Amino acid sequence: MFSIVLTRGYKEREFREDLKKFYELLTQKPTVFLFTDAHVIEEGFLELINNMLTIGMVPALFDEEGKKAMSDKVRDEAKRKGI
C-alpha cells in the first residue's frame, strides 16, 4: 500500500514526486494507492488523480530520461514474463 504523507509546505511539486515514487513502486510489485479527501490540500491534486484514473498516467510527470527508465523497467519485466 502506498499513501502520501502531508507535511508543512506540501504542494503540487511534492505530490508529483510522490506520484513518481508510486509509479516506480508499481514496476516492482502490485500496489494500492490510498488517497483520501484529507489529502486534497490543493484542487490540482484532484486533476492529477483524475488523469491517473481516466488515462492511467499523469501528463508531464517524468522527464525524457525518467520516461525511458520507466519504459525499460516495464519492457524488461514483460520480457521476463514472456509477454
Protein backbone atom coordinates (compact mmCIF):
# COMPACT_ATOMS: atom_id res chain seq x y z
CA MET A 1 0.00 0.00 0.00
CA PHE A 2 1.21 3.50 -0.84
CA SER A 3 -0.05 6.72 0.70
CA ILE A 4 1.28 10.25 0.69
CA VAL A 5 2.41 11.89 3.90
CA LEU A 6 1.38 15.51 4.17
CA THR A 7 3.96 17.87 5.61
CA ARG A 8 4.16 21.61 6.06
CA GLY A 9 4.50 23.23 2.67
CA TYR A 10 3.31 20.13 0.79
CA LYS A 11 2.31 21.38 -2.65
CA GLU A 12 1.87 20.03 -6.17
CA ARG A 13 5.62 19.65 -6.64
CA GLU A 14 5.87 17.29 -3.66
CA PHE A 15 2.71 15.49 -4.75
CA ARG A 16 4.20 14.87 -8.20
CA GLU A 17 7.38 13.49 -6.59
CA ASP A 18 5.26 11.12 -4.50
CA LEU A 19 3.39 10.03 -7.63
CA LYS A 20 6.72 9.24 -9.28
CA LYS A 21 7.61 7.05 -6.30
CA PHE A 22 4.23 5.35 -6.62
CA TYR A 23 4.67 4.60 -10.33
CA GLU A 24 8.20 3.30 -9.67
CA LEU A 25 6.86 1.05 -6.91
CA LEU A 26 4.29 -0.33 -9.36
CA THR A 27 7.10 -1.67 -11.53
CA GLN A 28 8.27 -3.79 -8.58
CA LYS A 29 5.03 -5.19 -7.14
CA PRO A 30 1.25 -4.74 -7.19
CA THR A 31 0.42 -1.71 -5.07
CA VAL A 32 -2.69 0.06 -3.80
CA PHE A 33 -2.67 3.87 -3.71
CA LEU A 34 -4.61 5.17 -0.71
CA PHE A 35 -5.77 8.74 -1.34
CA THR A 36 -8.46 10.25 0.87
CA ASP A 37 -10.27 13.56 0.99
CA ALA A 38 -7.84 14.61 3.74
CA HIS A 39 -5.04 14.50 1.16
CA VAL A 40 -6.72 17.08 -1.09
CA ILE A 41 -5.00 20.22 0.10
CA GLU A 42 -4.85 21.68 -3.42
CA GLU A 43 -7.52 21.33 -6.08
CA GLY A 44 -4.82 20.44 -8.61
CA PHE A 45 -4.29 17.14 -6.80
CA LEU A 46 -7.75 16.05 -7.95
CA GLU A 47 -6.90 16.81 -11.56
CA LEU A 48 -3.78 14.64 -11.33
CA ILE A 49 -5.76 11.81 -9.70
CA ASN A 50 -8.44 12.16 -12.39
CA ASN A 51 -5.74 11.74 -15.06
CA MET A 52 -4.48 8.61 -13.33
CA LEU A 53 -7.99 7.16 -13.28
CA THR A 54 -9.06 8.11 -16.79
CA ILE A 55 -5.91 7.68 -18.87
CA GLY A 56 -3.67 5.74 -16.49
CA MET A 57 -0.94 8.34 -16.33
CA VAL A 58 -0.11 11.86 -15.23
CA PRO A 59 0.99 14.08 -18.13
CA ALA A 60 4.48 15.56 -17.78
CA LEU A 61 5.20 13.58 -14.62
CA PHE A 62 8.52 12.20 -15.87
CA ASP A 63 11.14 13.97 -17.95
CA GLU A 64 12.50 12.16 -21.04
CA GLU A 65 15.17 10.34 -19.02
CA GLY A 66 12.57 9.23 -16.46
CA LYS A 67 10.22 8.02 -19.20
CA LYS A 68 12.99 5.94 -20.75
CA ALA A 69 13.94 4.42 -17.40
CA MET A 70 10.32 3.51 -16.64
CA SER A 71 9.70 2.03 -20.10
CA ASP A 72 12.91 -0.01 -19.80
CA LYS A 73 11.73 -1.42 -16.45
CA VAL A 74 8.33 -2.33 -17.86
CA ARG A 75 9.85 -3.81 -21.02
CA ASP A 76 12.30 -5.92 -19.02
CA GLU A 77 9.51 -7.22 -16.78
CA ALA A 78 7.34 -8.04 -19.78
CA LYS A 79 10.19 -9.95 -21.43
CA ARG A 80 10.86 -11.81 -18.19
CA LYS A 81 7.22 -12.89 -18.06
CA GLY A 82 7.19 -13.78 -21.76
CA ILE A 83 4.67 -11.14 -22.74
